[in-house]
Amino acid sequence: MKKQLLTLILLTLNATAVFATQWPDFPILFSTGTAEKETPPDIATITFSVSVFDEKSEKALAIVKKQSLEIINFYFSLGLDKDNLEAYDIDKTVVREDKDYTELKILGYEVNQKFTIILPALDKYTTFMDWLLKTSNLSNIATKFDIAERKQVESELIKEACADAKRKAENMANGMNASLEYPYAISEDGFHSLNEFFGISNPNPPMFKKSQHKESDTAKITYIPSRIKISKSVNVIYRLSNR
């Protein structure tokens, strides 16, 4: 039994010589645990850009400034906090005629200004989004829904994911007639040298990403989802002993 156990899961001293990072020279077991929770969102982060193209740089810039001011005024008309509105620097790009990968004469200028707006409550979301969608020269409108207590929820999910990893590890150890001693290492990102050794390309793929609401899903919608999903995943290495 000991020989079989070593064949399946032991990283020997010869194997560790392959890696810059030294792996343990005792039997180990690698387990992944996951946990997720669905919950109603209570925060929305809206991003969008004011984008204008014109032959005249001055005209494009004037239109962007005018519309940006209209957006800011409408935002404040809803009684929203100035600290939750962020307007980025105005960006100007020269647009040239292109032929056979050669830039020719200037066609005009594209002027952009990006906005990020956080709504700490969702009662104004539909009103604000409907207004944005009716406004000219806006592009890349996207919404990310979240919850205010994300850190607390993620902390609980990490605990549940660790418990899930331990349950799986115990089941695997029992199947090998072995016992878990203690967790040797834990990571949310995996153990890259170990992954390569066992031929695992990516044992911990990004969860929902981003909103995870998938954590980082974005949605070009004017309705509020009833629930979003938050997930966590952990990778754990346990030390083993034979029974």
C-alpha atoms as a PDB file:
ATOM      1  CA  MET A   1       0.000   0.000   0.000  1.00  0.00           C
ATOM      2  CA  LYS A   2       2.839   2.367   0.871  1.00  0.00           C
ATOM      3  CA  LYS A   3       4.474   1.760  -2.503  1.00  0.00           C
ATOM      4  CA  GLN A   4       1.201   2.522  -4.326  1.00  0.00           C
ATOM      5  CA  LEU A   5       0.702   5.672  -2.305  1.00  0.00           C
ATOM      6  CA  LEU A   6       4.181   6.888  -3.177  1.00  0.00           C
ATOM      7  CA  THR A   7       3.605   6.150  -6.857  1.00  0.00           C
ATOM      8  CA  LEU A   8       0.432   8.242  -6.984  1.00  0.00           C
ATOM      9  CA  ILE A   9       1.074  11.281  -4.857  1.00  0.00           C
ATOM     10  CA  LEU A  10       4.605  11.451  -3.435  1.00  0.00           C
ATOM     11  CA  LEU A  11       6.865  14.259  -4.613  1.00  0.00           C
ATOM     12  CA  THR A  12      10.315  12.727  -4.166  1.00  0.00           C
ATOM     13  CA  LEU A  13      13.628  14.479  -3.749  1.00  0.00           C
ATOM     14  CA  ASN A  14      14.425  13.685  -7.386  1.00  0.00           C
ATOM     15  CA  ALA A  15      11.222  15.426  -8.497  1.00  0.00           C
ATOM     16  CA  THR A  16      11.909  18.539  -6.436  1.00  0.00           C
ATOM     17  CA  ALA A  17      15.249  18.940  -8.155  1.00  0.00           C
ATOM     18  CA  VAL A  18      13.326  19.759 -11.344  1.00  0.00           C
ATOM     19  CA  PHE A  19      11.769  22.871  -9.820  1.00  0.00           C
ATOM     20  CA  ALA A  20      13.291  26.051  -8.488  1.00  0.00           C
ATOM     21  CA  THR A  21      10.791  25.799  -5.633  1.00  0.00           C
ATOM     22  CA  GLN A  22      11.454  22.836  -3.325  1.00  0.00           C
ATOM     23  CA  TRP A  23       8.422  20.631  -2.829  1.00  0.00           C
ATOM     24  CA  PRO A  24       7.997  18.405   0.236  1.00  0.00           C
ATOM     25  CA  ASP A  25       9.672  14.982   0.319  1.00  0.00           C
ATOM     26  CA  PHE A  26       6.735  13.330   2.099  1.00  0.00           C
ATOM     27  CA  PRO A  27       3.393  12.021   0.774  1.00  0.00           C
ATOM     28  CA  ILE A  28       0.897  14.769  -0.027  1.00  0.00           C
ATOM     29  CA  LEU A  29      -2.640  15.099  -1.310  1.00  0.00           C
ATOM     30  CA  PHE A  30      -3.837  17.986  -3.517  1.00  0.00           C
ATOM     31  CA  SER A  31      -7.479  19.079  -3.098  1.00  0.00           C
ATOM     32  CA  THR A  32      -9.610  21.927  -4.473  1.00  0.00           C
ATOM     33  CA  GLY A  33     -12.639  23.307  -2.642  1.00  0.00           C
ATOM     34  CA  THR A  34     -15.319  25.706  -3.879  1.00  0.00           C
ATOM     35  CA  ALA A  35     -18.215  27.647  -2.405  1.00  0.00           C
ATOM     36  CA  GLU A  36     -20.745  30.040  -3.865  1.00  0.00           C
ATOM     37  CA  LYS A  37     -23.669  32.165  -2.813  1.00  0.00           C
ATOM     38  CA  GLU A  38     -26.489  33.875  -4.692  1.00  0.00           C
ATOM     39  CA  THR A  39     -27.720  37.152  -3.243  1.00  0.00           C
ATOM     40  CA  PRO A  40     -29.695  40.227  -4.367  1.00  0.00           C
ATOM     41  CA  PRO A  41     -27.404  43.081  -5.488  1.00  0.00           C
ATOM     42  CA  ASP A  42     -27.520  46.452  -3.750  1.00  0.00           C
ATOM     43  CA  ILE A  43     -24.799  48.384  -5.625  1.00  0.00           C
ATOM     44  CA  ALA A  44     -24.324  49.239  -9.305  1.00  0.00           C
ATOM     45  CA  THR A  45     -21.182  50.561 -10.984  1.00  0.00           C
ATOM     46  CA  ILE A  46     -21.938  52.154 -14.358  1.00  0.00           C
ATOM     47  CA  THR A  47     -19.210  52.943 -16.892  1.00  0.00           C
ATOM     48  CA  PHE A  48     -19.593  54.736 -20.212  1.00  0.00           C
ATOM     49  CA  SER A  49     -17.838  57.154 -22.543  1.00  0.00           C
ATOM     50  CA  VAL A  50     -18.829  60.349 -24.300  1.00  0.00           C
ATOM     51  CA  SER A  51     -17.382  59.898 -27.805  1.00  0.00           C
ATOM     52  CA  VAL A  52     -17.506  62.445 -30.635  1.00  0.00           C
ATOM     53  CA  PHE A  53     -15.867  62.478 -34.067  1.00  0.00           C
ATOM     54  CA  ASP A  54     -15.602  65.606 -36.192  1.00  0.00           C
ATOM     55  CA  GLU A  55     -13.368  67.083 -38.847  1.00  0.00           C
ATOM     56  CA  LYS A  56     -12.677  69.977 -36.510  1.00  0.00           C
ATOM     57  CA  SER A  57     -10.924  69.240 -33.236  1.00  0.00           C
ATOM     58  CA  GLU A  58     -12.481  72.278 -31.568  1.00  0.00           C
ATOM     59  CA  LYS A  59     -16.017  71.220 -32.491  1.00  0.00           C
ATOM     60  CA  ALA A  60     -15.576  67.648 -31.229  1.00  0.00           C
ATOM     61  CA  LEU A  61     -14.126  68.930 -27.969  1.00  0.00           C
ATOM     62  CA  ALA A  62     -16.961  71.432 -27.496  1.00  0.00           C
ATOM     63  CA  ILE A  63     -19.623  68.728 -27.971  1.00  0.00           C
ATOM     64  CA  VAL A  64     -17.928  66.393 -25.479  1.00  0.00           C
ATOM     65  CA  LYS A  65     -17.650  69.162 -22.879  1.00  0.00           C
ATOM     66  CA  LYS A  66     -21.310  70.122 -23.349  1.00  0.00           C
ATOM     67  CA  GLN A  67     -22.605  66.567 -23.013  1.00  0.00           C
ATOM     68  CA  SER A  68     -20.336  65.782 -20.083  1.00  0.00           C
ATOM     69  CA  LEU A  69     -21.756  68.799 -18.271  1.00  0.00           C
ATOM     70  CA  GLU A  70     -25.314  67.626 -19.033  1.00  0.00           C
ATOM     71  CA  ILE A  71     -24.512  64.204 -17.584  1.00  0.00           C
ATOM     72  CA  ILE A  72     -23.057  65.707 -14.417  1.00  0.00           C
ATOM     73  CA  ASN A  73     -26.035  68.028 -13.966  1.00  0.00           C
ATOM     74  CA  PHE A  74     -28.519  65.184 -14.411  1.00  0.00           C
ATOM     75  CA  TYR A  75     -26.552  63.053 -11.955  1.00  0.00           C
ATOM     76  CA  PHE A  76     -26.775  65.747  -9.275  1.00  0.00           C
ATOM     77  CA  SER A  77     -30.455  66.351 -10.051  1.00  0.00           C
ATOM     78  CA  LEU A  78     -31.096  62.825  -8.728  1.00  0.00           C
ATOM     79  CA  GLY A  79     -29.610  63.799  -5.376  1.00  0.00           C
ATOM     80  CA  LEU A  80     -26.566  61.548  -5.791  1.00  0.00           C
ATOM     81  CA  ASP A  81     -23.252  62.043  -3.978  1.00  0.00           C
ATOM     82  CA  LYS A  82     -20.393  63.761  -5.812  1.00  0.00           C
ATOM     83  CA  ASP A  83     -17.909  61.264  -4.334  1.00  0.00           C
ATOM     84  CA  ASN A  84     -19.485  58.476  -6.395  1.00  0.00           C
ATOM     85  CA  LEU A  85     -18.921  60.192  -9.751  1.00  0.00           C
ATOM     86  CA  GLU A  86     -15.564  60.071 -11.493  1.00  0.00           C
ATOM     87  CA  ALA A  87     -14.858  61.813 -14.804  1.00  0.00           C
ATOM     88  CA  TYR A  88     -11.546  60.962 -16.455  1.00  0.00           C
ATOM     89  CA  ASP A  89      -9.285  63.181 -18.530  1.00  0.00           C
ATOM     90  CA  ILE A  90     -10.479  63.986 -22.055  1.00  0.00           C
ATOM     91  CA  ASP A  91      -8.651  61.996 -24.719  1.00  0.00           C
ATOM     92  CA  LYS A  92      -8.177  63.127 -28.332  1.00  0.00           C
ATOM     93  CA  THR A  93      -7.143  60.836 -31.204  1.00  0.00           C
ATOM     94  CA  VAL A  94      -6.229  61.833 -34.740  1.00  0.00           C
ATOM     95  CA  VAL A  95      -8.109  59.742 -37.318  1.00  0.00           C
ATOM     96  CA  ARG A  96      -6.307  59.345 -40.643  1.00  0.00           C
ATOM     97  CA  GLU A  97      -7.243  57.822 -43.945  1.00  0.00           C
ATOM     98  CA  ASP A  98      -5.570  54.456 -44.290  1.00  0.00           C
ATOM     99  CA  LYS A  99      -4.626  52.639 -47.503  1.00  0.00           C
ATOM    100  CA  ASP A 100      -2.367  49.614 -47.840  1.00  0.00           C
ATOM    101  CA  TYR A 101      -1.238  50.093 -44.232  1.00  0.00           C
ATOM    102  CA  THR A 102      -0.088  53.623 -44.991  1.00  0.00           C
ATOM    103  CA  GLU A 103      -1.536  56.576 -43.079  1.00  0.00           C
ATOM    104  CA  LEU A 104      -2.642  59.368 -45.382  1.00  0.00           C
ATOM    105  CA  LYS A 105      -4.493  62.631 -44.806  1.00  0.00           C
ATOM    106  CA  ILE A 106      -6.229  63.517 -41.570  1.00  0.00           C
ATOM    107  CA  LEU A 107      -9.977  62.760 -41.673  1.00  0.00           C
ATOM    108  CA  GLY A 108     -10.813  64.311 -38.340  1.00  0.00           C
ATOM    109  CA  TYR A 109     -10.525  63.955 -34.594  1.00  0.00           C
ATOM    110  CA  GLU A 110     -12.141  61.603 -32.098  1.00  0.00           C
ATOM    111  CA  VAL A 111     -12.591  63.029 -28.609  1.00  0.00           C
ATOM    112  CA  ASN A 112     -13.567  60.814 -25.662  1.00  0.00           C
ATOM    113  CA  GLN A 113     -14.238  61.204 -21.979  1.00  0.00           C
ATOM    114  CA  LYS A 114     -14.870  58.205 -19.753  1.00  0.00           C
ATOM    115  CA  PHE A 115     -17.165  58.222 -16.702  1.00  0.00           C
ATOM    116  CA  THR A 116     -17.527  55.834 -13.768  1.00  0.00           C
ATOM    117  CA  ILE A 117     -20.576  56.215 -11.543  1.00  0.00           C
ATOM    118  CA  ILE A 118     -21.343  54.190  -8.430  1.00  0.00           C
ATOM    119  CA  LEU A 119     -24.919  53.908  -7.207  1.00  0.00           C
ATOM    120  CA  PRO A 120     -24.778  52.800  -3.534  1.00  0.00           C
ATOM    121  CA  ALA A 121     -28.513  52.068  -3.744  1.00  0.00           C
ATOM    122  CA  LEU A 122     -30.469  50.840  -6.741  1.00  0.00           C
ATOM    123  CA  ASP A 123     -33.598  52.980  -6.451  1.00  0.00           C
ATOM    124  CA  LYS A 124     -32.233  55.490  -9.017  1.00  0.00           C
ATOM    125  CA  TYR A 125     -30.687  52.915 -11.354  1.00  0.00           C
ATOM    126  CA  THR A 126     -33.503  52.549 -13.901  1.00  0.00           C
ATOM    127  CA  THR A 127     -34.082  56.313 -14.117  1.00  0.00           C
ATOM    128  CA  PHE A 128     -30.398  57.026 -14.657  1.00  0.00           C
ATOM    129  CA  MET A 129     -29.866  54.228 -17.189  1.00  0.00           C
ATOM    130  CA  ASP A 130     -32.938  55.146 -19.232  1.00  0.00           C
ATOM    131  CA  TRP A 131     -31.658  58.707 -19.463  1.00  0.00           C
ATOM    132  CA  LEU A 132     -28.174  57.549 -20.510  1.00  0.00           C
ATOM    133  CA  LEU A 133     -29.499  55.278 -23.246  1.00  0.00           C
ATOM    134  CA  LYS A 134     -31.493  58.160 -24.722  1.00  0.00           C
ATOM    135  CA  THR A 135     -28.503  60.516 -24.704  1.00  0.00           C
ATOM    136  CA  SER A 136     -26.522  60.982 -27.909  1.00  0.00           C
ATOM    137  CA  ASN A 137     -22.810  60.295 -28.341  1.00  0.00           C
ATOM    138  CA  LEU A 138     -22.562  57.792 -25.495  1.00  0.00           C
ATOM    139  CA  SER A 139     -20.811  54.459 -26.010  1.00  0.00           C
ATOM    140  CA  ASN A 140     -19.565  51.419 -24.086  1.00  0.00           C
ATOM    141  CA  ILE A 141     -22.354  51.648 -21.500  1.00  0.00           C
ATOM    142  CA  ALA A 142     -21.923  48.791 -19.036  1.00  0.00           C
ATOM    143  CA  THR A 143     -23.162  47.937 -15.551  1.00  0.00           C
ATOM    144  CA  LYS A 144     -21.564  45.774 -12.892  1.00  0.00           C
ATOM    145  CA  PHE A 145     -23.806  44.767  -9.976  1.00  0.00           C
ATOM    146  CA  ASP A 146     -22.394  43.987  -6.562  1.00  0.00           C
ATOM    147  CA  ILE A 147     -23.139  43.964  -2.840  1.00  0.00           C
ATOM    148  CA  ALA A 148     -21.831  46.296  -0.145  1.00  0.00           C
ATOM    149  CA  GLU A 149     -20.845  43.396   2.106  1.00  0.00           C
ATOM    150  CA  ARG A 150     -18.726  41.593  -0.509  1.00  0.00           C
ATOM    151  CA  LYS A 151     -15.633  41.278   1.716  1.00  0.00           C
ATOM    152  CA  GLN A 152     -17.638  39.742   4.530  1.00  0.00           C
ATOM    153  CA  VAL A 153     -19.399  37.322   2.168  1.00  0.00           C
ATOM    154  CA  GLU A 154     -16.119  36.350   0.486  1.00  0.00           C
ATOM    155  CA  SER A 155     -14.548  35.710   3.890  1.00  0.00           C
ATOM    156  CA  GLU A 156     -17.345  33.273   4.732  1.00  0.00           C
ATOM    157  CA  LEU A 157     -17.076  31.636   1.310  1.00  0.00           C
ATOM    158  CA  ILE A 158     -13.339  31.080   1.793  1.00  0.00           C
ATOM    159  CA  LYS A 159     -14.099  29.220   5.023  1.00  0.00           C
ATOM    160  CA  GLU A 160     -16.717  27.103   3.243  1.00  0.00           C
ATOM    161  CA  ALA A 161     -14.335  26.417   0.338  1.00  0.00           C
ATOM    162  CA  CYS A 162     -11.640  25.279   2.781  1.00  0.00           C
ATOM    163  CA  ALA A 163     -14.124  22.958   4.472  1.00  0.00           C
ATOM    164  CA  ASP A 164     -15.128  21.613   1.049  1.00  0.00           C
ATOM    165  CA  ALA A 165     -11.476  20.963   0.158  1.00  0.00           C
ATOM    166  CA  LYS A 166     -10.974  19.110   3.452  1.00  0.00           C
ATOM    167  CA  ARG A 167     -14.051  16.911   2.908  1.00  0.00           C
ATOM    168  CA  LYS A 168     -12.821  15.958  -0.558  1.00  0.00           C
ATOM    169  CA  ALA A 169      -9.313  15.314   0.747  1.00  0.00           C
ATOM    170  CA  GLU A 170     -10.615  13.072   3.537  1.00  0.00           C
ATOM    171  CA  ASN A 171     -12.651  11.053   1.042  1.00  0.00           C
ATOM    172  CA  MET A 172      -9.624  10.613  -1.219  1.00  0.00           C
ATOM    173  CA  ALA A 173      -7.378   9.708   1.709  1.00  0.00           C
ATOM    174  CA  ASN A 174      -9.878   7.124   2.936  1.00  0.00           C
ATOM    175  CA  GLY A 175      -9.918   5.601  -0.528  1.00  0.00           C
ATOM    176  CA  MET A 176      -6.134   5.177  -0.325  1.00  0.00           C
ATOM    177  CA  ASN A 177      -6.283   3.837   3.250  1.00  0.00           C
ATOM    178  CA  ALA A 178      -4.331   6.899   4.386  1.00  0.00           C
ATOM    179  CA  SER A 179      -4.933   9.710   6.873  1.00  0.00           C
ATOM    180  CA  LEU A 180      -4.700  13.482   6.612  1.00  0.00           C
ATOM    181  CA  GLU A 181      -2.218  15.044   9.014  1.00  0.00           C
ATOM    182  CA  TYR A 182      -2.379  18.801   8.391  1.00  0.00           C
ATOM    183  CA  PRO A 183      -2.638  21.319   5.535  1.00  0.00           C
ATOM    184  CA  TYR A 184       0.859  21.953   4.193  1.00  0.00           C
ATOM    185  CA  ALA A 185      -0.071  24.860   1.867  1.00  0.00           C
ATOM    186  CA  ILE A 186      -3.167  26.715   0.686  1.00  0.00           C
ATOM    187  CA  SER A 187      -3.699  29.094  -2.240  1.00  0.00           C
ATOM    188  CA  GLU A 188      -6.467  30.662  -4.287  1.00  0.00           C
ATOM    189  CA  ASP A 189      -4.203  30.734  -7.358  1.00  0.00           C
ATOM    190  CA  GLY A 190      -2.887  27.166  -7.424  1.00  0.00           C
ATOM    191  CA  PHE A 191       0.646  25.791  -7.159  1.00  0.00           C
ATOM    192  CA  HIS A 192       2.189  26.252 -10.568  1.00  0.00           C
ATOM    193  CA  SER A 193       5.192  23.931 -10.326  1.00  0.00           C
ATOM    194  CA  LEU A 194       2.996  21.211  -8.876  1.00  0.00           C
ATOM    195  CA  ASN A 195       0.434  21.764 -11.615  1.00  0.00           C
ATOM    196  CA  GLU A 196       3.095  21.299 -14.294  1.00  0.00           C
ATOM    197  CA  PHE A 197       4.462  18.180 -12.588  1.00  0.00           C
ATOM    198  CA  PHE A 198       1.077  16.490 -12.654  1.00  0.00           C
ATOM    199  CA  GLY A 199       0.094  17.917 -16.045  1.00  0.00           C
ATOM    200  CA  ILE A 200      -2.654  20.181 -14.705  1.00  0.00           C
ATOM    201  CA  SER A 201      -2.889  23.233 -16.955  1.00  0.00           C
ATOM    202  CA  ASN A 202      -5.101  25.352 -14.690  1.00  0.00           C
ATOM    203  CA  PRO A 203      -6.731  23.733 -11.639  1.00  0.00           C
ATOM    204  CA  ASN A 204      -8.247  27.007 -10.510  1.00  0.00           C
ATOM    205  CA  PRO A 205      -9.763  28.802 -13.519  1.00  0.00           C
ATOM    206  CA  PRO A 206     -11.065  32.326 -12.918  1.00  0.00           C
ATOM    207  CA  MET A 207     -14.506  32.168 -11.357  1.00  0.00           C
ATOM    208  CA  PHE A 208     -17.072  34.150 -13.264  1.00  0.00           C
ATOM    209  CA  LYS A 209     -14.799  36.683 -14.233  1.00  0.00           C
ATOM    210  CA  LYS A 210     -14.710  39.352 -13.134  1.00  0.00           C
ATOM    211  CA  SER A 211     -18.905  39.631 -11.775  1.00  0.00           C
ATOM    212  CA  GLN A 212     -18.633  36.959 -10.239  1.00  0.00           C
ATOM    213  CA  HIS A 213     -21.916  37.948 -10.088  1.00  0.00           C
ATOM    214  CA  LYS A 214     -20.394  36.513 -11.524  1.00  0.00           C
ATOM    215  CA  GLU A 215     -17.659  38.641 -10.067  1.00  0.00           C
ATOM    216  CA  SER A 216     -16.925  40.631 -12.993  1.00  0.00           C
ATOM    217  CA  ASP A 217     -19.826  40.173 -15.390  1.00  0.00           C
ATOM    218  CA  THR A 218     -20.971  43.399 -17.022  1.00  0.00           C
ATOM    219  CA  ALA A 219     -24.439  43.903 -18.400  1.00  0.00           C
ATOM    220  CA  LYS A 220     -25.827  46.429 -20.844  1.00  0.00           C
ATOM    221  CA  ILE A 221     -29.274  46.286 -19.342  1.00  0.00           C
ATOM    222  CA  THR A 222     -31.786  48.607 -17.741  1.00  0.00           C
ATOM    223  CA  TYR A 223     -33.256  46.087 -15.337  1.00  0.00           C
ATOM    224  CA  ILE A 224     -31.807  44.939 -12.018  1.00  0.00           C
ATOM    225  CA  PRO A 225     -31.024  41.211 -11.735  1.00  0.00           C
ATOM    226  CA  SER A 226     -32.821  39.520  -8.870  1.00  0.00           C
ATOM    227  CA  ARG A 227     -29.648  37.737  -7.759  1.00  0.00           C
ATOM    228  CA  ILE A 228     -25.930  37.708  -8.442  1.00  0.00           C
ATOM    229  CA  LYS A 229     -23.493  34.882  -7.788  1.00  0.00           C
ATOM    230  CA  ILE A 230     -20.346  35.224  -5.692  1.00  0.00           C
ATOM    231  CA  SER A 231     -17.853  32.339  -5.697  1.00  0.00           C
ATOM    232  CA  LYS A 232     -14.558  31.412  -4.123  1.00  0.00           C
ATOM    233  CA  SER A 233     -12.140  28.568  -4.797  1.00  0.00           C
ATOM    234  CA  VAL A 234      -9.091  27.340  -2.854  1.00  0.00           C
ATOM    235  CA  ASN A 235      -6.344  24.800  -3.529  1.00  0.00           C
ATOM    236  CA  VAL A 236      -4.934  22.927  -0.545  1.00  0.00           C
ATOM    237  CA  ILE A 237      -1.964  20.567  -0.142  1.00  0.00           C
ATOM    238  CA  TYR A 238      -2.305  18.146   2.786  1.00  0.00           C
ATOM    239  CA  ARG A 239       0.386  16.009   4.356  1.00  0.00           C
ATOM    240  CA  LEU A 240      -0.540  12.321   4.410  1.00  0.00           C
ATOM    241  CA  SER A 241       0.353   9.405   6.631  1.00  0.00           C
ATOM    242  CA  ASN A 242      -0.328   5.698   6.200  1.00  0.00           C
ATOM    243  CA  ARG A 243      -2.756   4.043   8.548  1.00  0.00           C
END
